[in-house]
Amino acid sequence: EVKLQNASKQIVQNAILQAVRQVSQESRQREERDRDNRGS
């Protein structure tokens, strides 16, 4: 049970980390697009 709980925690942490990275990347891309669009 402890192994399963630890594995579950690890899966959740990895999912959260991946989601945060994705949101950060999308946010950076959006900012770059906005800067380019403002320039154009």
All heavy atoms as atom14 arrays in JSON, in Angstrom:
{
  "sequence": "EVKLQNASKQIVQNAILQAVRQVSQESRQREERDRDNRGS",
  "atom14_mask": [
    [1, 1, 1, 1, 1, 1, 1, 1, 1, 0, 0, 0, 0, 0],
    [1, 1, 1, 1, 1, 1, 1, 0, 0, 0, 0, 0, 0, 0],
    [1, 1, 1, 1, 1, 1, 1, 1, 1, 0, 0, 0, 0, 0],
    [1, 1, 1, 1, 1, 1, 1, 1, 0, 0, 0, 0, 0, 0],
    [1, 1, 1, 1, 1, 1, 1, 1, 1, 0, 0, 0, 0, 0],
    [1, 1, 1, 1, 1, 1, 1, 1, 0, 0, 0, 0, 0, 0],
    [1, 1, 1, 1, 1, 0, 0, 0, 0, 0, 0, 0, 0, 0],
    [1, 1, 1, 1, 1, 1, 0, 0, 0, 0, 0, 0, 0, 0],
    [1, 1, 1, 1, 1, 1, 1, 1, 1, 0, 0, 0, 0, 0],
    [1, 1, 1, 1, 1, 1, 1, 1, 1, 0, 0, 0, 0, 0],
    [1, 1, 1, 1, 1, 1, 1, 1, 0, 0, 0, 0, 0, 0],
    [1, 1, 1, 1, 1, 1, 1, 0, 0, 0, 0, 0, 0, 0],
    [1, 1, 1, 1, 1, 1, 1, 1, 1, 0, 0, 0, 0, 0],
    [1, 1, 1, 1, 1, 1, 1, 1, 0, 0, 0, 0, 0, 0],
    [1, 1, 1, 1, 1, 0, 0, 0, 0, 0, 0, 0, 0, 0],
    [1, 1, 1, 1, 1, 1, 1, 1, 0, 0, 0, 0, 0, 0],
    [1, 1, 1, 1, 1, 1, 1, 1, 0, 0, 0, 0, 0, 0],
    [1, 1, 1, 1, 1, 1, 1, 1, 1, 0, 0, 0, 0, 0],
    [1, 1, 1, 1, 1, 0, 0, 0, 0, 0, 0, 0, 0, 0],
    [1, 1, 1, 1, 1, 1, 1, 0, 0, 0, 0, 0, 0, 0],
    [1, 1, 1, 1, 1, 1, 1, 1, 1, 1, 1, 0, 0, 0],
    [1, 1, 1, 1, 1, 1, 1, 1, 1, 0, 0, 0, 0, 0],
    [1, 1, 1, 1, 1, 1, 1, 0, 0, 0, 0, 0, 0, 0],
    [1, 1, 1, 1, 1, 1, 0, 0, 0, 0, 0, 0, 0, 0],
    [1, 1, 1, 1, 1, 1, 1, 1, 1, 0, 0, 0, 0, 0],
    [1, 1, 1, 1, 1, 1, 1, 1, 1, 0, 0, 0, 0, 0],
    [1, 1, 1, 1, 1, 1, 0, 0, 0, 0, 0, 0, 0, 0],
    [1, 1, 1, 1, 1, 1, 1, 1, 1, 1, 1, 0, 0, 0],
    [1, 1, 1, 1, 1, 1, 1, 1, 1, 0, 0, 0, 0, 0],
    [1, 1, 1, 1, 1, 1, 1, 1, 1, 1, 1, 0, 0, 0],
    [1, 1, 1, 1, 1, 1, 1, 1, 1, 0, 0, 0, 0, 0],
    [1, 1, 1, 1, 1, 1, 1, 1, 1, 0, 0, 0, 0, 0],
    [1, 1, 1, 1, 1, 1, 1, 1, 1, 1, 1, 0, 0, 0],
    [1, 1, 1, 1, 1, 1, 1, 1, 0, 0, 0, 0, 0, 0],
    [1, 1, 1, 1, 1, 1, 1, 1, 1, 1, 1, 0, 0, 0],
    [1, 1, 1, 1, 1, 1, 1, 1, 0, 0, 0, 0, 0, 0],
    [1, 1, 1, 1, 1, 1, 1, 1, 0, 0, 0, 0, 0, 0],
    [1, 1, 1, 1, 1, 1, 1, 1, 1, 1, 1, 0, 0, 0],
    [1, 1, 1, 1, 0, 0, 0, 0, 0, 0, 0, 0, 0, 0],
    [1, 1, 1, 1, 1, 1, 0, 0, 0, 0, 0, 0, 0, 0]
  ],
  "atom14_positions": [
    [[0.84, -1.2, 0.0], [0.0, 0.0, 0.0], [0.87, 1.25, 0.0], [0.58, 2.22, -0.7], [-0.92, 0.01, 1.23], [-2.11, -0.91, 1.1], [-3.05, -0.8, 2.29], [-3.14, 0.31, 2.87], [-3.68, -1.82, 2.62], [0.0, 0.0, 0.0], [0.0, 0.0, 0.0], [0.0, 0.0, 0.0], [0.0, 0.0, 0.0], [0.0, 0.0, 0.0]],
    [[1.93, 1.22, 0.77], [2.84, 2.36, 0.83], [3.47, 2.58, -0.53], [3.58, 3.71, -1.02], [3.93, 2.15, 1.91], [5.02, 3.2, 1.8], [3.3, 2.17, 3.29], [0.0, 0.0, 0.0], [0.0, 0.0, 0.0], [0.0, 0.0, 0.0], [0.0, 0.0, 0.0], [0.0, 0.0, 0.0], [0.0, 0.0, 0.0], [0.0, 0.0, 0.0]],
    [[3.87, 1.49, -1.2], [4.44, 1.6, -2.55], [3.44, 2.22, -3.51], [3.78, 3.09, -4.32], [4.85, 0.22, -3.08], [6.09, -0.35, -2.44], [6.39, -1.72, -3.03], [7.45, -2.45, -2.24], [7.65, -3.82, -2.75], [0.0, 0.0, 0.0], [0.0, 0.0, 0.0], [0.0, 0.0, 0.0], [0.0, 0.0, 0.0], [0.0, 0.0, 0.0]],
    [[2.2, 1.77, -3.42], [1.15, 2.31, -4.3], [0.89, 3.78, -4.03], [0.73, 4.58, -4.95], [-0.15, 1.51, -4.15], [-0.14, 0.1, -4.74], [-1.41, -0.64, -4.36], [0.02, 0.15, -6.24], [0.0, 0.0, 0.0], [0.0, 0.0, 0.0], [0.0, 0.0, 0.0], [0.0, 0.0, 0.0], [0.0, 0.0, 0.0], [0.0, 0.0, 0.0]],
    [[0.86, 4.14, -2.74], [0.65, 5.54, -2.39], [1.79, 6.41, -2.9], [1.57, 7.49, -3.46], [0.53, 5.7, -0.86], [-0.79, 5.21, -0.31], [-0.83, 5.28, 1.21], [0.2, 5.46, 1.86], [-2.03, 5.12, 1.77], [0.0, 0.0, 0.0], [0.0, 0.0, 0.0], [0.0, 0.0, 0.0], [0.0, 0.0, 0.0], [0.0, 0.0, 0.0]],
    [[3.02, 5.93, -2.74], [4.18, 6.7, -3.21], [4.15, 6.82, -4.73], [4.46, 7.88, -5.28], [5.48, 6.05, -2.74], [5.71, 6.23, -1.25], [5.13, 7.12, -0.63], [6.54, 5.38, -0.66], [0.0, 0.0, 0.0], [0.0, 0.0, 0.0], [0.0, 0.0, 0.0], [0.0, 0.0, 0.0], [0.0, 0.0, 0.0], [0.0, 0.0, 0.0]],
    [[3.8, 5.73, -5.4], [3.72, 5.76, -6.86], [2.63, 6.74, -7.3], [2.83, 7.52, -8.25], [3.43, 4.36, -7.41], [0.0, 0.0, 0.0], [0.0, 0.0, 0.0], [0.0, 0.0, 0.0], [0.0, 0.0, 0.0], [0.0, 0.0, 0.0], [0.0, 0.0, 0.0], [0.0, 0.0, 0.0], [0.0, 0.0, 0.0], [0.0, 0.0, 0.0]],
    [[1.5, 6.75, -6.62], [0.42, 7.67, -6.94], [0.86, 9.12, -6.75], [0.59, 9.97, -7.6], [-0.81, 7.4, -6.06], [-1.33, 6.13, -6.35], [0.0, 0.0, 0.0], [0.0, 0.0, 0.0], [0.0, 0.0, 0.0], [0.0, 0.0, 0.0], [0.0, 0.0, 0.0], [0.0, 0.0, 0.0], [0.0, 0.0, 0.0], [0.0, 0.0, 0.0]],
    [[1.55, 9.37, -5.65], [2.05, 10.74, -5.4], [3.0, 11.16, -6.5], [2.95, 12.3, -6.98], [2.77, 10.8, -4.04], [1.84, 10.75, -2.85], [2.64, 10.77, -1.55], [1.74, 10.56, -0.35], [2.51, 10.48, 0.91], [0.0, 0.0, 0.0], [0.0, 0.0, 0.0], [0.0, 0.0, 0.0], [0.0, 0.0, 0.0], [0.0, 0.0, 0.0]],
    [[3.88, 10.24, -6.91], [4.87, 10.55, -7.95], [4.16, 10.85, -9.28], [4.52, 11.8, -9.98], [5.82, 9.35, -8.12], [7.03, 9.66, -8.98], [7.95, 10.69, -8.35], [8.26, 10.58, -7.17], [8.37, 11.67, -9.1], [0.0, 0.0, 0.0], [0.0, 0.0, 0.0], [0.0, 0.0, 0.0], [0.0, 0.0, 0.0], [0.0, 0.0, 0.0]],
    [[3.15, 10.07, -9.6], [2.39, 10.29, -10.83], [1.73, 11.66, -10.81], [1.77, 12.41, -11.79], [1.35, 9.17, -11.04], [2.07, 7.86, -11.37], [0.35, 9.54, -12.12], [1.17, 6.64, -11.32], [0.0, 0.0, 0.0], [0.0, 0.0, 0.0], [0.0, 0.0, 0.0], [0.0, 0.0, 0.0], [0.0, 0.0, 0.0], [0.0, 0.0, 0.0]],
    [[1.11, 12.0, -9.69], [0.43, 13.29, -9.56], [1.44, 14.43, -9.66], [1.22, 15.41, -10.37], [-0.35, 13.37, -8.22], [-0.85, 14.78, -7.97], [-1.52, 12.39, -8.25], [0.0, 0.0, 0.0], [0.0, 0.0, 0.0], [0.0, 0.0, 0.0], [0.0, 0.0, 0.0], [0.0, 0.0, 0.0], [0.0, 0.0, 0.0], [0.0, 0.0, 0.0]],
    [[2.58, 14.3, -8.98], [3.6, 15.34, -9.04], [4.11, 15.53, -10.47], [4.28, 16.66, -10.92], [4.77, 14.99, -8.12], [4.45, 15.18, -6.64], [5.59, 14.73, -5.74], [6.48, 14.0, -6.16], [5.54, 15.16, -4.48], [0.0, 0.0, 0.0], [0.0, 0.0, 0.0], [0.0, 0.0, 0.0], [0.0, 0.0, 0.0], [0.0, 0.0, 0.0]],
    [[4.35, 14.41, -11.16], [4.82, 14.5, -12.55], [3.78, 15.17, -13.44], [4.12, 15.98, -14.3], [5.16, 13.12, -13.1], [6.45, 12.58, -12.5], [7.25, 13.31, -11.95], [6.64, 11.28, -12.63], [0.0, 0.0, 0.0], [0.0, 0.0, 0.0], [0.0, 0.0, 0.0], [0.0, 0.0, 0.0], [0.0, 0.0, 0.0], [0.0, 0.0, 0.0]],
    [[2.51, 14.83, -13.24], [1.44, 15.43, -14.04], [1.35, 16.93, -13.8], [1.21, 17.72, -14.73], [0.11, 14.75, -13.72], [0.0, 0.0, 0.0], [0.0, 0.0, 0.0], [0.0, 0.0, 0.0], [0.0, 0.0, 0.0], [0.0, 0.0, 0.0], [0.0, 0.0, 0.0], [0.0, 0.0, 0.0], [0.0, 0.0, 0.0], [0.0, 0.0, 0.0]],
    [[1.45, 17.33, -12.54], [1.4, 18.76, -12.19], [2.59, 19.5, -12.81], [2.45, 20.55, -13.41], [1.36, 18.96, -10.66], [0.01, 18.47, -10.11], [1.6, 20.41, -10.29], [-0.06, 18.4, -8.6], [0.0, 0.0, 0.0], [0.0, 0.0, 0.0], [0.0, 0.0, 0.0], [0.0, 0.0, 0.0], [0.0, 0.0, 0.0], [0.0, 0.0, 0.0]],
    [[3.78, 18.91, -12.67], [4.99, 19.52, -13.21], [4.88, 19.69, -14.72], [5.2, 20.75, -15.27], [6.2, 18.65, -12.86], [7.57, 19.19, -13.25], [7.83, 20.55, -12.6], [8.65, 18.21, -12.85], [0.0, 0.0, 0.0], [0.0, 0.0, 0.0], [0.0, 0.0, 0.0], [0.0, 0.0, 0.0], [0.0, 0.0, 0.0], [0.0, 0.0, 0.0]],
    [[4.39, 18.65, -15.39], [4.23, 18.72, -16.84], [3.22, 19.8, -17.23], [3.45, 20.57, -18.17], [3.76, 17.36, -17.37], [3.7, 17.28, -18.87], [3.3, 15.9, -19.36], [3.12, 14.98, -18.56], [3.18, 15.74, -20.65], [0.0, 0.0, 0.0], [0.0, 0.0, 0.0], [0.0, 0.0, 0.0], [0.0, 0.0, 0.0], [0.0, 0.0, 0.0]],
    [[2.13, 19.9, -16.49], [1.11, 20.91, -16.77], [1.67, 22.31, -16.58], [1.43, 23.2, -17.39], [-0.11, 20.69, -15.88], [0.0, 0.0, 0.0], [0.0, 0.0, 0.0], [0.0, 0.0, 0.0], [0.0, 0.0, 0.0], [0.0, 0.0, 0.0], [0.0, 0.0, 0.0], [0.0, 0.0, 0.0], [0.0, 0.0, 0.0], [0.0, 0.0, 0.0]],
    [[2.44, 22.51, -15.51], [3.03, 23.83, -15.24], [4.0, 24.21, -16.35], [3.99, 25.33, -16.84], [3.75, 23.84, -13.87], [4.6, 25.08, -13.7], [2.72, 23.76, -12.75], [0.0, 0.0, 0.0], [0.0, 0.0, 0.0], [0.0, 0.0, 0.0], [0.0, 0.0, 0.0], [0.0, 0.0, 0.0], [0.0, 0.0, 0.0], [0.0, 0.0, 0.0]],
    [[4.83, 23.24, -16.78], [5.78, 23.51, -17.87], [5.03, 23.88, -19.15], [5.43, 24.8, -19.87], [6.65, 22.28, -18.13], [7.72, 22.09, -17.09], [8.55, 20.87, -17.4], [9.63, 20.69, -16.44], [10.21, 19.52, -16.2], [9.83, 18.44, -16.84], [11.19, 19.44, -15.33], [0.0, 0.0, 0.0], [0.0, 0.0, 0.0], [0.0, 0.0, 0.0]],
    [[3.95, 23.15, -19.43], [3.19, 23.41, -20.66], [2.56, 24.8, -20.62], [2.62, 25.54, -21.59], [2.1, 22.34, -20.83], [1.34, 22.47, -22.12], [0.33, 21.35, -22.3], [0.38, 20.34, -21.6], [-0.57, 21.51, -23.23], [0.0, 0.0, 0.0], [0.0, 0.0, 0.0], [0.0, 0.0, 0.0], [0.0, 0.0, 0.0], [0.0, 0.0, 0.0]],
    [[1.97, 25.16, -19.5], [1.34, 26.47, -19.37], [2.4, 27.58, -19.5], [2.17, 28.58, -20.17], [0.59, 26.59, -18.02], [0.19, 28.02, -17.74], [-0.63, 25.69, -18.03], [0.0, 0.0, 0.0], [0.0, 0.0, 0.0], [0.0, 0.0, 0.0], [0.0, 0.0, 0.0], [0.0, 0.0, 0.0], [0.0, 0.0, 0.0], [0.0, 0.0, 0.0]],
    [[3.56, 27.37, -18.89], [4.64, 28.35, -18.98], [5.09, 28.52, -20.42], [5.28, 29.65, -20.9], [5.84, 27.93, -18.13], [5.47, 27.9, -16.78], [0.0, 0.0, 0.0], [0.0, 0.0, 0.0], [0.0, 0.0, 0.0], [0.0, 0.0, 0.0], [0.0, 0.0, 0.0], [0.0, 0.0, 0.0], [0.0, 0.0, 0.0], [0.0, 0.0, 0.0]],
    [[5.24, 27.4, -21.12], [5.68, 27.46, -22.52], [4.64, 28.17, -23.38], [4.98, 29.03, -24.19], [5.91, 26.03, -23.04], [6.46, 25.99, -24.45], [6.68, 24.56, -24.92], [6.41, 23.61, -24.2], [7.17, 24.42, -26.13], [0.0, 0.0, 0.0], [0.0, 0.0, 0.0], [0.0, 0.0, 0.0], [0.0, 0.0, 0.0], [0.0, 0.0, 0.0]],
    [[3.37, 27.82, -23.2], [2.31, 28.45, -23.98], [2.23, 29.94, -23.68], [2.02, 30.76, -24.58], [0.96, 27.78, -23.68], [0.86, 26.38, -24.26], [-0.39, 25.66, -23.82], [-1.19, 26.23, -23.05], [-0.58, 24.5, -24.24], [0.0, 0.0, 0.0], [0.0, 0.0, 0.0], [0.0, 0.0, 0.0], [0.0, 0.0, 0.0], [0.0, 0.0, 0.0]],
    [[2.44, 30.3, -22.43], [2.4, 31.7, -22.02], [3.53, 32.48, -22.7], [3.32, 33.57, -23.21], [2.51, 31.8, -20.51], [2.46, 33.13, -20.1], [0.0, 0.0, 0.0], [0.0, 0.0, 0.0], [0.0, 0.0, 0.0], [0.0, 0.0, 0.0], [0.0, 0.0, 0.0], [0.0, 0.0, 0.0], [0.0, 0.0, 0.0], [0.0, 0.0, 0.0]],
    [[4.74, 31.88, -22.71], [5.88, 32.53, -23.36], [5.62, 32.7, -24.85], [5.89, 33.76, -25.42], [7.15, 31.68, -23.17], [8.04, 32.23, -22.08], [9.35, 31.47, -21.98], [9.26, 30.49, -20.89], [9.33, 29.17, -21.05], [9.52, 28.63, -22.21], [9.21, 28.38, -20.0], [0.0, 0.0, 0.0], [0.0, 0.0, 0.0], [0.0, 0.0, 0.0]],
    [[5.08, 31.66, -25.49], [4.79, 31.74, -26.92], [3.75, 32.82, -27.2], [3.86, 33.56, -28.17], [4.3, 30.39, -27.44], [5.4, 29.34, -27.5], [4.87, 27.96, -27.84], [3.66, 27.72, -27.79], [5.76, 27.04, -28.15], [0.0, 0.0, 0.0], [0.0, 0.0, 0.0], [0.0, 0.0, 0.0], [0.0, 0.0, 0.0], [0.0, 0.0, 0.0]],
    [[2.74, 32.91, -26.35], [1.69, 33.92, -26.52], [2.29, 35.32, -26.41], [1.96, 36.21, -27.19], [0.59, 33.69, -25.48], [-0.71, 34.38, -25.83], [-1.84, 34.03, -24.86], [-2.09, 32.6, -24.82], [-1.96, 31.83, -23.74], [-1.58, 32.35, -22.59], [-2.21, 30.54, -23.79], [0.0, 0.0, 0.0], [0.0, 0.0, 0.0], [0.0, 0.0, 0.0]],
    [[3.18, 35.51, -25.43], [3.82, 36.82, -25.25], [4.65, 37.19, -26.48], [4.61, 38.32, -26.94], [4.72, 36.8, -24.0], [3.96, 36.85, -22.7], [4.87, 36.72, -21.49], [6.11, 36.73, -21.66], [4.35, 36.6, -20.37], [0.0, 0.0, 0.0], [0.0, 0.0, 0.0], [0.0, 0.0, 0.0], [0.0, 0.0, 0.0], [0.0, 0.0, 0.0]],
    [[5.38, 36.21, -27.01], [6.19, 36.47, -28.2], [5.29, 36.83, -29.38], [5.59, 37.75, -30.13], [7.05, 35.25, -28.54], [8.19, 35.04, -27.56], [8.95, 33.75, -27.8], [8.73, 33.11, -28.85], [9.76, 33.37, -26.94], [0.0, 0.0, 0.0], [0.0, 0.0, 0.0], [0.0, 0.0, 0.0], [0.0, 0.0, 0.0], [0.0, 0.0, 0.0]],
    [[4.2, 36.1, -29.54], [3.26, 36.38, -30.63], [2.67, 37.77, -30.48], [2.57, 38.53, -31.44], [2.12, 35.35, -30.63], [2.25, 34.29, -31.68], [0.93, 33.59, -31.93], [0.16, 33.29, -30.74], [0.26, 32.16, -30.03], [1.09, 31.23, -30.38], [-0.5, 31.97, -28.97], [0.0, 0.0, 0.0], [0.0, 0.0, 0.0], [0.0, 0.0, 0.0]],
    [[2.3, 38.11, -29.24], [1.72, 39.44, -28.99], [2.73, 40.54, -29.32], [2.38, 41.54, -29.92], [1.28, 39.57, -27.52], [0.04, 38.75, -27.22], [-0.59, 38.23, -28.18], [-0.31, 38.62, -26.04], [0.0, 0.0, 0.0], [0.0, 0.0, 0.0], [0.0, 0.0, 0.0], [0.0, 0.0, 0.0], [0.0, 0.0, 0.0], [0.0, 0.0, 0.0]],
    [[4.0, 40.32, -28.93], [5.03, 41.31, -29.24], [5.19, 41.44, -30.75], [5.26, 42.54, -31.28], [6.37, 40.89, -28.62], [6.65, 41.64, -27.34], [8.05, 41.37, -26.81], [7.95, 40.41, -25.71], [8.53, 39.22, -25.69], [9.26, 38.81, -26.67], [8.37, 38.43, -24.65], [0.0, 0.0, 0.0], [0.0, 0.0, 0.0], [0.0, 0.0, 0.0]],
    [[5.22, 40.31, -31.45], [5.35, 40.33, -32.92], [4.15, 41.03, -33.54], [4.3, 41.84, -34.44], [5.47, 38.9, -33.47], [6.81, 38.27, -33.09], [7.72, 39.0, -32.65], [6.93, 37.04, -33.24], [0.0, 0.0, 0.0], [0.0, 0.0, 0.0], [0.0, 0.0, 0.0], [0.0, 0.0, 0.0], [0.0, 0.0, 0.0], [0.0, 0.0, 0.0]],
    [[2.96, 40.71, -33.06], [1.74, 41.3, -33.61], [1.71, 42.81, -33.37], [1.31, 43.56, -34.23], [0.49, 40.65, -33.01], [0.27, 39.25, -33.54], [0.83, 38.88, -34.57], [-0.52, 38.48, -32.84], [0.0, 0.0, 0.0], [0.0, 0.0, 0.0], [0.0, 0.0, 0.0], [0.0, 0.0, 0.0], [0.0, 0.0, 0.0], [0.0, 0.0, 0.0]],
    [[2.15, 43.23, -32.2], [2.17, 44.67, -31.91], [3.15, 45.36, -32.85], [2.86, 46.42, -33.36], [2.57, 44.92, -30.44], [1.37, 44.98, -29.53], [1.77, 45.43, -28.14], [1.36, 44.41, -27.2], [2.18, 43.7, -26.43], [3.46, 43.91, -26.45], [1.72, 42.78, -25.63], [0.0, 0.0, 0.0], [0.0, 0.0, 0.0], [0.0, 0.0, 0.0]],
    [[4.3, 44.74, -33.08], [5.29, 45.31, -33.99], [4.73, 45.42, -35.39], [4.84, 46.46, -36.04], [0.0, 0.0, 0.0], [0.0, 0.0, 0.0], [0.0, 0.0, 0.0], [0.0, 0.0, 0.0], [0.0, 0.0, 0.0], [0.0, 0.0, 0.0], [0.0, 0.0, 0.0], [0.0, 0.0, 0.0], [0.0, 0.0, 0.0], [0.0, 0.0, 0.0]],
    [[4.08, 44.38, -35.87], [3.5, 44.39, -37.22], [2.38, 45.42, -37.29], [2.26, 46.15, -38.27], [2.91, 43.02, -37.55], [3.92, 42.05, -37.53], [0.0, 0.0, 0.0], [0.0, 0.0, 0.0], [0.0, 0.0, 0.0], [0.0, 0.0, 0.0], [0.0, 0.0, 0.0], [0.0, 0.0, 0.0], [0.0, 0.0, 0.0], [0.0, 0.0, 0.0]]
  ]
}
